C-alpha atoms as a PDB file:
ATOM      1  CA  MET A   1      92.170  95.876 119.419  1.00  0.00           C
ATOM      2  CA  ASP A   2      93.056  98.377 122.103  1.00  0.00           C
ATOM      3  CA  PRO A   3      95.304 100.279 121.666  1.00  0.00           C
ATOM      4  CA  PRO A   4      94.587 100.143 117.890  1.00  0.00           C
ATOM      5  CA  ILE A   5      97.355  98.956 115.546  1.00  0.00           C
ATOM      6  CA  ASP A   6      97.039  99.817 111.850  1.00  0.00           C
ATOM      7  CA  ARG A   7      98.566  97.294 109.464  1.00  0.00           C
ATOM      8  CA  ILE A   8      98.816  95.937 105.943  1.00  0.00           C
ATOM      9  CA  GLY A   9      98.978  92.168 106.211  1.00  0.00           C
ATOM     10  CA  ALA A  10      97.508  89.252 108.113  1.00  0.00           C
ATOM     11  CA  THR A  11      98.646  88.336 111.629  1.00  0.00           C
ATOM     12  CA  VAL A  12      98.325  84.978 113.370  1.00  0.00           C
ATOM     13  CA  PHE A  13      97.422  86.554 116.711  1.00  0.00           C
ATOM     14  CA  GLU A  14      94.210  87.922 115.195  1.00  0.00           C
ATOM     15  CA  HIS A  15      93.157  84.419 114.161  1.00  0.00           C
ATOM     16  CA  GLU A  16      93.787  82.379 117.288  1.00  0.00           C
ATOM     17  CA  GLY A  17      92.232  78.933 117.508  1.00  0.00           C
ATOM     18  CA  PRO A  18      92.194  75.861 115.264  1.00  0.00           C
ATOM     19  CA  ASP A  19      90.358  77.466 112.298  1.00  0.00           C
ATOM     20  CA  VAL A  20      93.224  78.891 110.271  1.00  0.00           C
ATOM     21  CA  SER A  21      91.549  79.142 106.846  1.00  0.00           C
ATOM     22  CA  THR A  22      90.595  82.817 107.237  1.00  0.00           C
ATOM     23  CA  TYR A  23      94.176  83.766 108.009  1.00  0.00           C
ATOM     24  CA  PHE A  24      95.621  81.989 104.978  1.00  0.00           C
ATOM     25  CA  GLY A  25      93.054  83.582 102.676  1.00  0.00           C
ATOM     26  CA  LYS A  26      94.026  87.031 103.927  1.00  0.00           C
ATOM     27  CA  ALA A  27      97.733  86.215 103.716  1.00  0.00           C
ATOM     28  CA  GLU A  28      97.427  85.360 100.035  1.00  0.00           C
ATOM     29  CA  HIS A  29      95.571  88.607  99.314  1.00  0.00           C
ATOM     30  CA  PHE A  30      98.062  90.769 101.177  1.00  0.00           C
ATOM     31  CA  ARG A  31     101.094  89.185  99.510  1.00  0.00           C
ATOM     32  CA  GLY A  32     100.036  90.807  96.240  1.00  0.00           C
ATOM     33  CA  LEU A  33      99.540  94.191  97.882  1.00  0.00           C
ATOM     34  CA  GLN A  34     102.845  93.899  99.713  1.00  0.00           C
ATOM     35  CA  SER A  35     104.674  93.058  96.476  1.00  0.00           C
ATOM     36  CA  ALA A  36     103.212  96.128  94.797  1.00  0.00           C
ATOM     37  CA  ILE A  37     104.408  98.332  97.669  1.00  0.00           C
ATOM     38  CA  PHE A  38     107.889  96.815  97.856  1.00  0.00           C
ATOM     39  CA  SER A  39     108.310  97.006  94.060  1.00  0.00           C
ATOM     40  CA  GLN A  40     108.481 100.795  94.404  1.00  0.00           C
ATOM     41  CA  SER A  41     111.808 100.450  96.229  1.00  0.00           C
ATOM     42  CA  PHE A  42     113.034  97.089  97.580  1.00  0.00           C
ATOM     43  CA  SER A  43     111.767  94.178  99.645  1.00  0.00           C
ATOM     44  CA  PRO A  44     113.008  94.429 103.243  1.00  0.00           C
ATOM     45  CA  LEU A  45     111.781  90.869 103.759  1.00  0.00           C
ATOM     46  CA  GLU A  46     113.864  89.404 100.929  1.00  0.00           C
ATOM     47  CA  ARG A  47     116.903  91.452 101.955  1.00  0.00           C
ATOM     48  CA  LEU A  48     116.723  90.218 105.544  1.00  0.00           C
ATOM     49  CA  MET A  49     116.239  86.587 104.485  1.00  0.00           C
ATOM     50  CA  SER A  50     119.270  86.858 102.200  1.00  0.00           C
ATOM     51  CA  ARG A  51     121.407  88.285 105.025  1.00  0.00           C
ATOM     52  CA  LEU A  52     120.293  85.502 107.369  1.00  0.00           C
ATOM     53  CA  ARG A  53     121.211  82.823 104.812  1.00  0.00           C
ATOM     54  CA  GLU A  54     124.652  84.358 104.403  1.00  0.00           C
ATOM     55  CA  SER A  55     125.172  84.583 108.162  1.00  0.00           C
ATOM     56  CA  VAL A  56     123.899  81.237 109.448  1.00  0.00           C
ATOM     57  CA  GLY A  57     124.289  78.879 106.488  1.00  0.00           C
ATOM     58  CA  VAL A  58     120.923  77.117 106.863  1.00  0.00           C
ATOM     59  CA  PRO A  59     117.743  77.353 104.775  1.00  0.00           C
ATOM     60  CA  VAL A  60     115.709  80.492 105.475  1.00  0.00           C
ATOM     61  CA  GLN A  61     112.178  80.680 104.055  1.00  0.00           C
ATOM     62  CA  ILE A  62     108.673  81.943 104.661  1.00  0.00           C
ATOM     63  CA  ALA A  63     106.757  79.477 106.835  1.00  0.00           C
ATOM     64  CA  ALA A  64     104.437  77.136 104.929  1.00  0.00           C
ATOM     65  CA  ASP A  65     101.811  74.836 106.416  1.00  0.00           C
ATOM     66  CA  PRO A  66     101.585  71.602 104.340  1.00  0.00           C
ATOM     67  CA  LYS A  67      97.786  71.611 104.711  1.00  0.00           C
ATOM     68  CA  HIS A  68      96.882  75.276 104.485  1.00  0.00           C
ATOM     69  CA  GLY A  69      99.570  77.037 102.465  1.00  0.00           C
ATOM     70  CA  THR A  70     102.109  79.818 102.872  1.00  0.00           C
ATOM     71  CA  TYR A  71     102.020  82.178 105.827  1.00  0.00           C
ATOM     72  CA  GLY A  72     102.154  85.921 105.467  1.00  0.00           C
ATOM     73  CA  ALA A  73     105.410  87.687 106.335  1.00  0.00           C
ATOM     74  CA  GLY A  74     106.672  91.236 106.158  1.00  0.00           C
ATOM     75  CA  LEU A  75     103.764  92.926 107.917  1.00  0.00           C
ATOM     76  CA  ILE A  76     103.634  96.687 107.359  1.00  0.00           C
ATOM     77  CA  ARG A  77     102.475  98.161 110.645  1.00  0.00           C
ATOM     78  CA  ARG A  78     101.875 101.443 112.428  1.00  0.00           C
ATOM     79  CA  ILE A  79     102.051 101.473 116.217  1.00  0.00           C
ATOM     80  CA  GLU A  80     101.516 105.037 117.390  1.00  0.00           C
ATOM     81  CA  ASN A  81      99.372 104.538 120.491  1.00  0.00           C
ATOM     82  CA  GLY A  82     101.700 102.064 122.177  1.00  0.00           C
ATOM     83  CA  THR A  83     100.967  98.473 123.199  1.00  0.00           C
ATOM     84  CA  LEU A  84     100.089  96.523 126.294  1.00  0.00           C
ATOM     85  CA  LEU A  85     102.709  94.351 127.982  1.00  0.00           C
ATOM     86  CA  HIS A  86     102.756  91.210 125.841  1.00  0.00           C
ATOM     87  CA  ILE A  87     104.689  88.378 124.236  1.00  0.00           C
ATOM     88  CA  ASP A  88     104.823  86.972 120.713  1.00  0.00           C
ATOM     89  CA  PHE A  89     105.525  83.256 120.992  1.00  0.00           C
ATOM     90  CA  ALA A  90     103.721  80.781 118.743  1.00  0.00           C
ATOM     91  CA  PRO A  91     103.947  77.696 121.017  1.00  0.00           C
ATOM     92  CA  ALA A  92     102.073  79.664 123.693  1.00  0.00           C
ATOM     93  CA  GLU A  93      99.674  81.690 121.568  1.00  0.00           C
ATOM     94  CA  GLN A  94      99.015  79.507 118.496  1.00  0.00           C
ATOM     95  CA  PRO A  95      99.489  75.951 119.824  1.00  0.00           C
ATOM     96  CA  ALA A  96      97.282  74.407 117.093  1.00  0.00           C
ATOM     97  CA  TRP A  97      99.183  76.093 114.240  1.00  0.00           C
ATOM     98  CA  TRP A  98     102.086  74.710 112.203  1.00  0.00           C
ATOM     99  CA  VAL A  99     104.432  77.457 113.484  1.00  0.00           C
ATOM    100  CA  ALA A 100     103.933  76.232 117.059  1.00  0.00           C
ATOM    101  CA  GLN A 101     106.720  73.698 116.431  1.00  0.00           C
ATOM    102  CA  VAL A 102     109.381  76.418 116.494  1.00  0.00           C
ATOM    103  CA  GLU A 103     111.944  75.963 119.246  1.00  0.00           C
ATOM    104  CA  ALA A 104     112.853  79.640 119.596  1.00  0.00           C
ATOM    105  CA  GLN A 105     111.307  82.834 118.270  1.00  0.00           C
ATOM    106  CA  LEU A 106     112.606  86.307 117.510  1.00  0.00           C
ATOM    107  CA  ALA A 107     111.113  89.313 115.744  1.00  0.00           C
ATOM    108  CA  TRP A 108     112.660  91.909 113.459  1.00  0.00           C
ATOM    109  CA  ASN A 109     111.453  95.469 112.996  1.00  0.00           C
ATOM    110  CA  LEU A 110     112.639  97.872 110.292  1.00  0.00           C
ATOM    111  CA  TYR A 111     111.699 101.476 111.144  1.00  0.00           C
ATOM    112  CA  LEU A 112     110.513 103.448 108.104  1.00  0.00           C
ATOM    113  CA  GLU A 113     108.759 106.449 109.690  1.00  0.00           C
ATOM    114  CA  LEU A 114     109.439 107.940 113.116  1.00  0.00           C
ATOM    115  CA  ASP A 115     109.004 111.101 115.120  1.00  0.00           C
ATOM    116  CA  PRO A 116     112.662 111.947 115.875  1.00  0.00           C
ATOM    117  CA  GLU A 117     111.766 113.587 119.182  1.00  0.00           C
ATOM    118  CA  ASN A 118     109.420 110.870 120.418  1.00  0.00           C
ATOM    119  CA  PRO A 119     109.784 107.684 118.321  1.00  0.00           C
ATOM    120  CA  GLY A 120     107.942 105.393 120.728  1.00  0.00           C
ATOM    121  CA  LYS A 121     110.449 103.387 122.748  1.00  0.00           C
ATOM    122  CA  THR A 122     110.258  99.609 123.029  1.00  0.00           C
ATOM    123  CA  TYR A 123     111.016  97.955 126.371  1.00  0.00           C
ATOM    124  CA  VAL A 124     112.152  94.327 126.466  1.00  0.00           C
ATOM    125  CA  TYR A 125     112.140  92.716 129.903  1.00  0.00           C
ATOM    126  CA  GLU A 126     114.580  90.097 131.125  1.00  0.00           C
ATOM    127  CA  ARG A 127     111.622  87.883 131.890  1.00  0.00           C
ATOM    128  CA  PRO A 128     110.552  85.125 129.471  1.00  0.00           C
ATOM    129  CA  TRP A 129     106.978  83.865 129.289  1.00  0.00           C
ATOM    130  CA  ARG A 130     106.195  80.720 131.306  1.00  0.00           C
ATOM    131  CA  PRO A 131     103.012  78.600 131.010  1.00  0.00           C
ATOM    132  CA  GLU A 132     101.730  79.709 134.417  1.00  0.00           C
ATOM    133  CA  ASP A 133     101.772  83.319 133.176  1.00  0.00           C
ATOM    134  CA  GLN A 134      98.568  82.634 131.246  1.00  0.00           C
ATOM    135  CA  LEU A 135      96.759  83.115 134.555  1.00  0.00           C
ATOM    136  CA  ARG A 136      97.961  86.728 134.500  1.00  0.00           C
ATOM    137  CA  LYS A 137      96.659  87.570 131.045  1.00  0.00           C
ATOM    138  CA  ILE A 138      94.189  90.461 130.972  1.00  0.00           C
ATOM    139  CA  PRO A 139      90.795  89.035 129.897  1.00  0.00           C
ATOM    140  CA  GLY A 140      89.661  90.005 126.416  1.00  0.00           C
ATOM    141  CA  THR A 141      93.061  91.398 125.388  1.00  0.00           C
ATOM    142  CA  TYR A 142      96.459  90.260 124.170  1.00  0.00           C
ATOM    143  CA  GLY A 143      98.135  91.878 127.188  1.00  0.00           C
ATOM    144  CA  TYR A 144      99.422  90.718 130.560  1.00  0.00           C
ATOM    145  CA  GLU A 145      99.299  92.268 134.014  1.00  0.00           C
ATOM    146  CA  PRO A 146     102.130  94.812 134.421  1.00  0.00           C
ATOM    147  CA  SER A 147     102.920  93.318 137.848  1.00  0.00           C
ATOM    148  CA  LEU A 148     104.573  90.394 136.017  1.00  0.00           C
ATOM    149  CA  VAL A 149     107.598  92.579 135.291  1.00  0.00           C
ATOM    150  CA  GLU A 150     107.747  94.716 138.428  1.00  0.00           C
ATOM    151  CA  GLY A 151     111.381  95.079 139.460  1.00  0.00           C
ATOM    152  CA  VAL A 152     112.609  93.138 136.394  1.00  0.00           C
ATOM    153  CA  LYS A 153     115.597  94.429 134.428  1.00  0.00           C
ATOM    154  CA  LYS A 154     114.540  95.929 131.111  1.00  0.00           C
ATOM    155  CA  TYR A 155     116.246  97.058 127.927  1.00  0.00           C
ATOM    156  CA  GLU A 156     115.181 100.262 126.223  1.00  0.00           C
ATOM    157  CA  LEU A 157     115.199 100.395 122.425  1.00  0.00           C
ATOM    158  CA  ARG A 158     114.910 103.929 121.049  1.00  0.00           C
ATOM    159  CA  PRO A 159     114.804 103.496 117.273  1.00  0.00           C
ATOM    160  CA  THR A 160     116.043 105.941 114.677  1.00  0.00           C
ATOM    161  CA  LEU A 161     115.000 105.991 111.039  1.00  0.00           C
ATOM    162  CA  GLY A 162     116.314 102.967 109.117  1.00  0.00           C
ATOM    163  CA  ASP A 163     117.214 100.925 112.200  1.00  0.00           C
ATOM    164  CA  VAL A 164     116.513  97.194 112.350  1.00  0.00           C
ATOM    165  CA  TYR A 165     115.994  95.667 115.789  1.00  0.00           C
ATOM    166  CA  ILE A 166     115.855  91.916 116.442  1.00  0.00           C
ATOM    167  CA  PHE A 167     114.906  90.569 119.865  1.00  0.00           C
ATOM    168  CA  ASN A 168     113.507  87.527 121.646  1.00  0.00           C
ATOM    169  CA  THR A 169     109.731  87.904 121.661  1.00  0.00           C
ATOM    170  CA  ARG A 170     109.192  85.201 124.259  1.00  0.00           C
ATOM    171  CA  ASN A 171     110.409  87.909 126.625  1.00  0.00           C
ATOM    172  CA  PHE A 172     107.712  90.307 127.777  1.00  0.00           C
ATOM    173  CA  HIS A 173     107.839  93.621 125.937  1.00  0.00           C
ATOM    174  CA  GLN A 174     105.797  96.747 125.291  1.00  0.00           C
ATOM    175  CA  VAL A 175     105.879  99.914 123.204  1.00  0.00           C
ATOM    176  CA  ASP A 176     105.349 103.506 124.346  1.00  0.00           C
ATOM    177  CA  PRO A 177     103.055 105.856 122.418  1.00  0.00           C
ATOM    178  CA  SER A 178     104.932 107.920 119.839  1.00  0.00           C
ATOM    179  CA  GLY A 179     104.699 111.581 118.926  1.00  0.00           C
ATOM    180  CA  GLY A 180     103.829 110.960 115.267  1.00  0.00           C
ATOM    181  CA  ARG A 181     103.910 108.347 112.544  1.00  0.00           C
ATOM    182  CA  ARG A 182     105.688 105.131 113.526  1.00  0.00           C
ATOM    183  CA  THR A 183     105.741 102.750 110.565  1.00  0.00           C
ATOM    184  CA  THR A 184     107.632  99.461 110.522  1.00  0.00           C
ATOM    185  CA  VAL A 185     108.030  96.292 108.505  1.00  0.00           C
ATOM    186  CA  THR A 186     108.130  93.236 110.744  1.00  0.00           C
ATOM    187  CA  SER A 187     107.953  89.445 110.960  1.00  0.00           C
ATOM    188  CA  ALA A 188     108.479  86.666 113.433  1.00  0.00           C
ATOM    189  CA  ILE A 189     111.597  84.528 112.970  1.00  0.00           C
ATOM    190  CA  GLY A 190     111.561  80.954 114.273  1.00  0.00           C
ATOM    191  CA  THR A 191     113.955  78.011 114.343  1.00  0.00           C
ATOM    192  CA  LEU A 192     112.531  74.571 113.527  1.00  0.00           C
ATOM    193  CA  PRO A 193     113.743  71.266 115.019  1.00  0.00           C
ATOM    194  CA  ASP A 194     115.575  70.529 111.743  1.00  0.00           C
ATOM    195  CA  GLU A 195     117.443  73.893 112.101  1.00  0.00           C
ATOM    196  CA  ARG A 196     115.627  75.630 109.258  1.00  0.00           C
ATOM    197  CA  ILE A 197     114.622  79.227 109.884  1.00  0.00           C
ATOM    198  CA  VAL A 198     111.124  80.368 108.979  1.00  0.00           C
ATOM    199  CA  LEU A 199     109.449  83.779 108.964  1.00  0.00           C
ATOM    200  CA  TRP A 200     105.773  84.682 109.373  1.00  0.00           C
ATOM    201  CA  SER A 201     103.497  87.422 110.620  1.00  0.00           C
END
Protein backbone atom coordinates (compact mmCIF):
# COMPACT_ATOMS: atom_id res chain seq x y z
CA MET A 1 0.00 0.00 0.00
CA ASP A 2 1.38 3.38 -0.96
CA PRO A 3 1.58 5.53 1.10
CA PRO A 4 2.04 2.81 3.78
CA ILE A 5 -0.47 2.64 6.65
CA ASP A 6 0.55 0.73 9.78
CA ARG A 7 -2.29 -0.94 11.66
CA ILE A 8 -3.40 -3.51 14.21
CA GLY A 9 -6.53 -5.14 12.86
CA ALA A 10 -8.07 -6.45 9.67
CA THR A 11 -9.61 -4.15 7.06
CA VAL A 12 -12.18 -5.04 4.41
CA PHE A 13 -10.51 -2.89 1.76
CA GLU A 14 -7.44 -5.14 1.88
CA HIS A 15 -9.58 -8.18 1.09
CA GLU A 16 -11.71 -6.99 -1.81
CA GLY A 17 -13.56 -9.60 -3.84
CA PRO A 18 -15.92 -12.47 -3.02
CA ASP A 19 -13.42 -14.55 -0.97
CA VAL A 20 -13.91 -13.17 2.52
CA SER A 21 -12.58 -16.10 4.58
CA THR A 22 -9.08 -14.63 4.98
CA TYR A 23 -10.48 -11.41 6.38
CA PHE A 24 -12.65 -13.13 8.98
CA GLY A 25 -9.76 -15.31 10.13
CA LYS A 26 -7.62 -12.23 10.68
CA ALA A 27 -10.47 -10.38 12.39
CA GLU A 28 -10.84 -13.14 14.96
CA HIS A 29 -7.10 -13.11 15.69
CA PHE A 30 -6.92 -9.35 16.07
CA ARG A 31 -9.93 -9.17 18.39
CA GLY A 32 -7.87 -10.92 21.06
CA LEU A 33 -4.93 -8.58 20.57
CA GLN A 34 -7.20 -5.55 20.58
CA SER A 35 -8.84 -6.68 23.83
CA ALA A 36 -5.44 -7.04 25.48
CA ILE A 37 -4.49 -3.50 24.42
CA PHE A 38 -7.79 -1.92 25.47
CA SER A 39 -7.75 -3.75 28.82
CA GLN A 40 -4.82 -1.54 29.84
CA SER A 41 -7.15 1.48 29.85
CA PHE A 42 -10.62 1.36 28.27
CA SER A 43 -12.28 0.27 25.04
CA PRO A 44 -12.96 3.28 22.79
CA LEU A 45 -15.10 1.00 20.63
CA GLU A 46 -17.41 -0.04 23.48
CA ARG A 47 -17.62 3.53 24.77
CA LEU A 48 -18.64 4.87 21.36
CA MET A 49 -21.22 2.12 20.83
CA SER A 50 -22.72 2.88 24.24
CA ARG A 51 -22.96 6.61 23.43
CA LEU A 52 -24.62 5.85 20.09
CA ARG A 53 -27.22 3.61 21.76
CA GLU A 54 -28.02 6.35 24.25
CA SER A 55 -28.29 8.97 21.51
CA VAL A 56 -30.26 7.22 18.77
CA GLY A 57 -32.28 4.57 20.62
CA VAL A 58 -31.70 1.74 18.12
CA PRO A 59 -29.54 -1.39 18.36
CA VAL A 60 -25.84 -0.71 17.81
CA GLN A 61 -23.53 -3.71 17.32
CA ILE A 62 -20.45 -4.97 15.54
CA ALA A 63 -21.37 -6.18 12.05
CA ALA A 64 -21.79 -9.95 11.73
CA ASP A 65 -22.13 -11.93 8.51
CA PRO A 66 -24.51 -14.91 9.06
CA LYS A 67 -22.26 -17.12 6.92
CA HIS A 68 -18.77 -15.99 7.84
CA GLY A 69 -18.88 -14.55 11.35
CA THR A 70 -18.18 -11.28 13.14
CA TYR A 71 -16.34 -8.44 11.45
CA GLY A 72 -13.41 -6.68 13.00
CA ALA A 73 -13.96 -3.20 14.44
CA GLY A 74 -11.86 -0.71 16.33
CA LEU A 75 -8.84 -0.70 14.03
CA ILE A 76 -5.72 0.78 15.63
CA ARG A 77 -3.97 2.68 12.86
CA ARG A 78 -1.05 4.98 12.17
CA ILE A 79 -1.27 7.30 9.18
CA GLU A 80 1.86 9.43 9.11
CA ASN A 81 2.62 9.60 5.38
CA GLY A 82 -0.81 10.83 4.34
CA THR A 83 -3.30 9.14 2.01
CA LEU A 84 -4.46 9.39 -1.56
CA LEU A 85 -7.82 10.95 -2.37
CA HIS A 86 -10.29 8.16 -1.61
CA ILE A 87 -13.65 7.05 -0.27
CA ASP A 88 -14.73 4.38 2.21
CA PHE A 89 -18.14 3.13 1.13
CA ALA A 90 -18.97 -0.58 1.30
CA PRO A 91 -21.66 -0.67 -1.43
CA ALA A 92 -19.07 0.67 -3.89
CA GLU A 93 -15.93 -1.08 -2.67
CA GLN A 94 -17.18 -4.38 -1.18
CA PRO A 95 -20.36 -5.10 -3.18
CA ALA A 96 -20.18 -8.87 -2.51
CA TRP A 97 -19.85 -8.46 1.27
CA TRP A 98 -22.62 -8.47 3.89
CA VAL A 99 -21.86 -4.84 4.86
CA ALA A 100 -22.68 -3.71 1.32
CA GLN A 101 -26.35 -3.56 2.36
CA VAL A 102 -25.75 -0.45 4.47
CA GLU A 103 -27.75 2.56 3.32
CA ALA A 104 -25.35 5.20 4.65
CA GLN A 105 -21.82 5.05 6.01
CA LEU A 106 -19.78 7.19 8.37
CA ALA A 107 -16.41 6.72 10.05
CA TRP A 108 -15.16 7.70 13.49
CA ASN A 109 -11.57 8.45 14.43
CA LEU A 110 -10.24 8.85 17.97
CA TYR A 111 -6.82 10.56 17.98
CA LEU A 112 -4.42 9.03 20.51
CA GLU A 113 -1.03 10.33 19.33
CA LEU A 114 -0.36 13.50 17.35
CA ASP A 115 2.36 15.98 16.52
CA PRO A 116 0.83 19.19 17.94
CA GLU A 117 2.55 21.35 15.34
CA ASN A 118 1.72 19.19 12.33
CA PRO A 119 -0.97 16.61 13.19
CA GLY A 120 -1.80 15.67 9.61
CA LYS A 121 -4.98 17.44 8.53
CA THR A 122 -7.91 15.57 7.00
CA TYR A 123 -9.82 17.16 4.11
CA VAL A 124 -13.41 16.12 3.42
CA TYR A 125 -14.82 17.29 0.10
CA GLU A 126 -18.43 18.24 -0.55
CA ARG A 127 -18.47 15.67 -3.32
CA PRO A 128 -19.95 12.20 -2.75
CA TRP A 129 -18.83 9.17 -4.73
CA ARG A 130 -20.96 8.25 -7.76
CA PRO A 131 -20.76 4.97 -9.73
CA GLU A 132 -19.23 6.67 -12.78
CA ASP A 133 -16.32 7.80 -10.59
CA GLN A 134 -14.88 4.28 -10.78
CA LEU A 135 -13.55 5.28 -14.20
CA ARG A 136 -11.36 7.84 -12.42
CA LYS A 137 -9.78 5.43 -9.96
CA ILE A 138 -5.98 5.26 -10.17
CA PRO A 139 -5.07 1.74 -11.39
CA GLY A 140 -3.48 -0.52 -8.79
CA THR A 141 -4.35 1.77 -5.87
CA TYR A 142 -7.24 2.67 -3.60
CA GLY A 143 -7.05 6.31 -4.73
CA TYR A 144 -8.88 8.50 -7.22
CA GLU A 145 -7.69 11.20 -9.60
CA PRO A 146 -7.35 14.54 -7.75
CA SER A 147 -9.15 16.28 -10.64
CA LEU A 148 -12.41 14.80 -9.28
CA VAL A 149 -12.43 17.42 -6.53
CA GLU A 150 -10.93 20.41 -8.33
CA GLY A 151 -12.84 23.52 -7.29
CA VAL A 152 -15.01 21.56 -4.82
CA LYS A 153 -15.68 22.99 -1.36
CA LYS A 154 -13.72 21.15 1.31
CA TYR A 155 -13.71 20.97 5.09
CA GLU A 156 -10.44 20.91 6.99
CA LEU A 157 -10.20 18.79 10.13
CA ARG A 158 -7.14 19.59 12.25
CA PRO A 159 -7.28 17.11 15.13
CA THR A 160 -5.96 17.64 18.63
CA LEU A 161 -5.16 14.89 21.10
CA GLY A 162 -8.30 13.10 22.34
CA ASP A 163 -10.59 14.43 19.61
CA VAL A 164 -13.17 12.19 17.95
CA TYR A 165 -14.22 13.08 14.41
CA ILE A 166 -17.17 11.48 12.61
CA PHE A 167 -17.82 12.17 8.93
CA ASN A 168 -19.49 10.77 5.83
CA THR A 169 -16.94 8.55 4.11
CA ARG A 170 -18.89 8.35 0.87
CA ASN A 171 -17.53 11.86 0.40
CA PHE A 172 -14.04 12.00 -1.08
CA HIS A 173 -11.39 12.69 1.54
CA GLN A 174 -7.64 12.58 2.08
CA VAL A 175 -5.07 13.02 4.84
CA ASP A 176 -1.91 15.15 4.80
CA PRO A 177 1.41 13.74 6.02
CA SER A 178 2.05 14.49 9.69
CA GLY A 179 5.16 15.66 11.49
CA GLY A 180 5.32 12.67 13.85
CA ARG A 181 3.28 9.83 15.27
CA ARG A 182 -0.40 9.92 14.30
CA THR A 183 -2.23 7.04 15.98
CA THR A 184 -5.99 6.58 15.87
CA VAL A 185 -8.70 4.07 16.69
CA THR A 186 -11.29 3.89 13.94
CA SER A 187 -14.24 1.99 12.46
CA ALA A 188 -16.88 2.36 9.81
CA ILE A 189 -20.43 3.02 11.01
CA GLY A 190 -23.33 1.95 8.79
CA THR A 191 -27.12 2.05 8.94
CA LEU A 192 -29.00 -1.07 7.82
CA PRO A 193 -32.43 -1.10 6.13
CA ASP A 194 -33.99 -2.19 9.45
CA GLU A 195 -32.41 0.91 11.14
CA ARG A 196 -29.83 -1.02 13.13
CA ILE A 197 -26.37 0.50 13.29
CA VAL A 198 -23.34 -1.69 12.70
CA LEU A 199 -19.60 -1.06 12.99
CA TRP A 200 -16.70 -2.72 11.17
CA SER A 201 -13.20 -2.08 9.94
